N, C-alpha and C. Protein backbone atom coordinates (compact mmCIF):
# COMPACT_ATOMS: atom_id res chain seq x y z
N UNK A 1 0.84 -1.19 0.00
CA UNK A 1 0.00 0.00 0.00
C UNK A 1 0.88 1.24 0.00
N UNK A 2 0.38 2.27 -0.64
CA UNK A 2 1.08 3.54 -0.69
C UNK A 2 0.24 4.61 -0.01
N UNK A 3 0.93 5.55 0.61
CA UNK A 3 0.26 6.68 1.25
C UNK A 3 -0.42 7.53 0.18
N UNK A 4 -1.71 7.79 0.33
CA UNK A 4 -2.46 8.58 -0.64
C UNK A 4 -2.83 9.96 -0.08
N UNK A 5 -3.37 9.99 1.14
CA UNK A 5 -3.79 11.25 1.75
C UNK A 5 -3.52 11.24 3.25
N UNK A 6 -3.30 12.41 3.79
CA UNK A 6 -3.28 12.60 5.24
C UNK A 6 -4.26 13.72 5.55
N UNK A 7 -4.87 13.65 6.72
CA UNK A 7 -5.84 14.65 7.15
C UNK A 7 -5.50 15.01 8.59
N UNK A 8 -5.36 16.28 8.86
CA UNK A 8 -5.11 16.69 10.24
C UNK A 8 -5.76 18.03 10.54
N UNK A 9 -5.93 18.30 11.81
CA UNK A 9 -6.49 19.55 12.31
C UNK A 9 -5.34 20.48 12.65
N UNK A 10 -5.42 21.73 12.22
CA UNK A 10 -4.39 22.72 12.52
C UNK A 10 -4.99 23.85 13.35
N UNK A 11 -4.63 23.89 14.62
CA UNK A 11 -5.18 24.89 15.53
C UNK A 11 -4.88 26.31 15.05
N UNK A 12 -3.73 26.52 14.41
CA UNK A 12 -3.35 27.86 13.93
C UNK A 12 -4.31 28.36 12.86
N UNK A 13 -4.98 27.46 12.13
CA UNK A 13 -5.93 27.85 11.09
C UNK A 13 -7.37 27.91 11.59
N UNK A 14 -7.58 27.75 12.89
CA UNK A 14 -8.92 27.76 13.46
C UNK A 14 -9.65 29.07 13.17
N UNK A 15 -8.95 30.19 13.27
CA UNK A 15 -9.58 31.50 13.05
C UNK A 15 -9.99 31.71 11.59
N UNK A 16 -9.37 31.00 10.65
CA UNK A 16 -9.72 31.15 9.24
C UNK A 16 -11.02 30.42 8.91
N UNK A 17 -11.42 29.48 9.77
CA UNK A 17 -12.62 28.68 9.53
C UNK A 17 -12.35 27.44 8.69
N UNK A 18 -11.11 27.23 8.28
CA UNK A 18 -10.75 26.05 7.49
C UNK A 18 -9.52 25.36 8.09
N UNK A 19 -9.66 24.78 9.28
CA UNK A 19 -8.50 24.18 9.95
C UNK A 19 -8.26 22.70 9.65
N UNK A 20 -9.04 22.11 8.74
CA UNK A 20 -8.83 20.71 8.37
C UNK A 20 -7.91 20.71 7.15
N UNK A 21 -6.73 20.11 7.28
CA UNK A 21 -5.72 20.13 6.23
C UNK A 21 -5.68 18.76 5.54
N UNK A 22 -5.90 18.76 4.22
CA UNK A 22 -5.86 17.54 3.42
C UNK A 22 -4.60 17.59 2.57
N UNK A 23 -3.71 16.63 2.74
CA UNK A 23 -2.49 16.56 1.94
C UNK A 23 -2.56 15.32 1.06
N UNK A 24 -2.25 15.48 -0.23
CA UNK A 24 -2.28 14.39 -1.20
C UNK A 24 -0.84 14.02 -1.56
N UNK A 25 -0.60 12.71 -1.68
CA UNK A 25 0.74 12.20 -1.96
C UNK A 25 0.75 11.37 -3.23
N UNK A 26 1.82 11.45 -3.98
CA UNK A 26 2.08 10.58 -5.13
C UNK A 26 3.50 10.06 -4.98
N UNK A 27 3.64 8.75 -5.00
CA UNK A 27 4.97 8.16 -4.86
C UNK A 27 5.65 8.49 -3.56
N UNK A 28 4.86 8.71 -2.51
CA UNK A 28 5.42 9.03 -1.20
C UNK A 28 5.76 10.49 -1.00
N UNK A 29 5.57 11.31 -2.03
CA UNK A 29 5.88 12.74 -1.95
C UNK A 29 4.59 13.57 -1.93
N UNK A 30 4.54 14.56 -1.04
CA UNK A 30 3.36 15.41 -0.96
C UNK A 30 3.32 16.30 -2.20
N UNK A 31 2.17 16.30 -2.89
CA UNK A 31 2.04 17.10 -4.12
C UNK A 31 1.00 18.21 -3.99
N UNK A 32 0.11 18.11 -3.01
CA UNK A 32 -0.94 19.12 -2.88
C UNK A 32 -1.42 19.19 -1.43
N UNK A 33 -1.74 20.39 -0.97
CA UNK A 33 -2.32 20.61 0.35
C UNK A 33 -3.50 21.55 0.21
N UNK A 34 -4.63 21.17 0.80
CA UNK A 34 -5.83 22.01 0.79
C UNK A 34 -6.31 22.21 2.21
N UNK A 35 -6.81 23.42 2.49
CA UNK A 35 -7.41 23.73 3.78
C UNK A 35 -8.91 23.79 3.57
N UNK A 36 -9.66 23.01 4.36
CA UNK A 36 -11.10 22.93 4.20
C UNK A 36 -11.79 22.96 5.56
N UNK A 37 -13.10 23.20 5.53
CA UNK A 37 -13.91 23.13 6.75
C UNK A 37 -14.43 21.71 6.96
N UNK A 38 -14.70 21.00 5.83
CA UNK A 38 -15.30 19.68 5.92
C UNK A 38 -14.70 18.75 4.87
N UNK A 39 -14.46 17.49 5.27
CA UNK A 39 -13.97 16.45 4.36
C UNK A 39 -14.84 15.22 4.56
N UNK A 40 -15.26 14.60 3.45
CA UNK A 40 -16.04 13.37 3.53
C UNK A 40 -15.50 12.33 2.57
N UNK A 41 -15.74 11.07 2.89
CA UNK A 41 -15.41 9.95 2.01
C UNK A 41 -16.55 8.95 2.10
N UNK A 42 -17.09 8.56 0.96
CA UNK A 42 -18.17 7.58 0.90
C UNK A 42 -17.62 6.26 0.41
N UNK A 43 -17.91 5.19 1.16
CA UNK A 43 -17.47 3.84 0.82
C UNK A 43 -18.65 2.90 0.97
N UNK A 44 -18.41 1.62 0.70
CA UNK A 44 -19.43 0.59 0.88
C UNK A 44 -18.86 -0.56 1.69
N UNK A 45 -19.69 -1.15 2.58
CA UNK A 45 -19.24 -2.31 3.37
C UNK A 45 -19.37 -3.58 2.53
N UNK A 46 -19.08 -4.74 3.14
CA UNK A 46 -19.10 -6.01 2.42
C UNK A 46 -20.46 -6.35 1.82
N UNK A 47 -21.53 -5.88 2.45
CA UNK A 47 -22.88 -6.14 1.94
C UNK A 47 -23.34 -5.09 0.93
N UNK A 48 -22.50 -4.12 0.61
CA UNK A 48 -22.86 -3.09 -0.34
C UNK A 48 -23.61 -1.92 0.25
N UNK A 49 -23.69 -1.85 1.59
CA UNK A 49 -24.37 -0.74 2.25
C UNK A 49 -23.41 0.45 2.36
N UNK A 50 -23.92 1.67 2.17
CA UNK A 50 -23.04 2.84 2.21
C UNK A 50 -22.54 3.17 3.61
N UNK A 51 -21.30 3.67 3.66
CA UNK A 51 -20.68 4.17 4.88
C UNK A 51 -20.06 5.52 4.53
N UNK A 52 -20.27 6.51 5.39
CA UNK A 52 -19.67 7.82 5.16
C UNK A 52 -18.74 8.17 6.31
N UNK A 53 -17.52 8.59 5.98
CA UNK A 53 -16.57 9.12 6.94
C UNK A 53 -16.58 10.63 6.78
N UNK A 54 -16.65 11.35 7.90
CA UNK A 54 -16.77 12.80 7.83
C UNK A 54 -15.92 13.45 8.92
N UNK A 55 -15.16 14.46 8.53
CA UNK A 55 -14.43 15.30 9.47
C UNK A 55 -14.87 16.72 9.17
N UNK A 56 -15.39 17.41 10.20
CA UNK A 56 -15.89 18.77 9.97
C UNK A 56 -15.56 19.66 11.16
N UNK A 57 -15.16 20.87 10.86
CA UNK A 57 -14.89 21.88 11.88
C UNK A 57 -16.21 22.42 12.42
N UNK A 58 -16.29 22.63 13.72
CA UNK A 58 -17.48 23.13 14.43
C UNK A 58 -18.67 22.17 14.33
N UNK A 59 -18.42 20.87 14.38
CA UNK A 59 -19.51 19.89 14.36
C UNK A 59 -19.54 19.02 15.61
N UNK A 60 -18.81 19.42 16.65
CA UNK A 60 -18.71 18.59 17.84
C UNK A 60 -20.05 18.42 18.54
N UNK A 61 -20.25 17.24 19.11
CA UNK A 61 -21.47 16.92 19.85
C UNK A 61 -21.10 16.19 21.14
N UNK A 62 -22.04 16.09 22.05
CA UNK A 62 -21.88 15.28 23.25
C UNK A 62 -20.70 15.66 24.12
N UNK A 63 -20.05 14.61 24.67
CA UNK A 63 -18.91 14.82 25.57
C UNK A 63 -17.76 15.54 24.89
N UNK A 64 -17.57 15.28 23.59
CA UNK A 64 -16.50 15.97 22.86
C UNK A 64 -16.68 17.47 22.89
N UNK A 65 -17.89 17.92 22.62
CA UNK A 65 -18.17 19.36 22.62
C UNK A 65 -18.04 19.93 24.02
N UNK A 66 -18.54 19.21 25.00
CA UNK A 66 -18.46 19.69 26.39
C UNK A 66 -17.01 19.79 26.88
N UNK A 67 -16.13 18.96 26.32
CA UNK A 67 -14.73 19.01 26.74
C UNK A 67 -13.90 19.98 25.90
N UNK A 68 -14.55 20.68 24.95
CA UNK A 68 -13.85 21.70 24.19
C UNK A 68 -13.47 21.33 22.77
N UNK A 69 -13.83 20.14 22.31
CA UNK A 69 -13.51 19.74 20.94
C UNK A 69 -14.30 20.60 19.96
N UNK A 70 -13.65 20.99 18.87
CA UNK A 70 -14.33 21.76 17.83
C UNK A 70 -14.47 20.96 16.54
N UNK A 71 -13.66 19.93 16.38
CA UNK A 71 -13.65 19.14 15.15
C UNK A 71 -13.75 17.67 15.53
N UNK A 72 -14.67 16.95 14.86
CA UNK A 72 -14.86 15.53 15.17
C UNK A 72 -14.81 14.69 13.91
N UNK A 73 -14.38 13.46 14.08
CA UNK A 73 -14.43 12.44 13.03
C UNK A 73 -15.67 11.62 13.29
N UNK A 74 -16.57 11.54 12.29
CA UNK A 74 -17.81 10.80 12.45
C UNK A 74 -17.90 9.73 11.37
N UNK A 75 -18.51 8.61 11.73
CA UNK A 75 -18.75 7.51 10.80
C UNK A 75 -20.24 7.26 10.75
N UNK A 76 -20.82 7.33 9.57
CA UNK A 76 -22.24 7.11 9.37
C UNK A 76 -22.45 5.79 8.63
N UNK A 77 -23.38 4.96 9.15
CA UNK A 77 -23.71 3.67 8.50
C UNK A 77 -25.17 3.65 8.18
């Protein structure tokens, strides 16, 4: 397997409203970086049912929000 993308939260970009950093790699070398508010990926499980992965700034809920989290990774089935 080869590294394709990395996704991380950058606290320094919090004030810009786009603190989720998506970096794309080709041949192990980073070729592109984008700053976004929200990133999603749609896949399918073994039975063909959809699954969505989502990372979004200012979407925290529950204990995460109460403890100060501003960005959460969510999985929808």
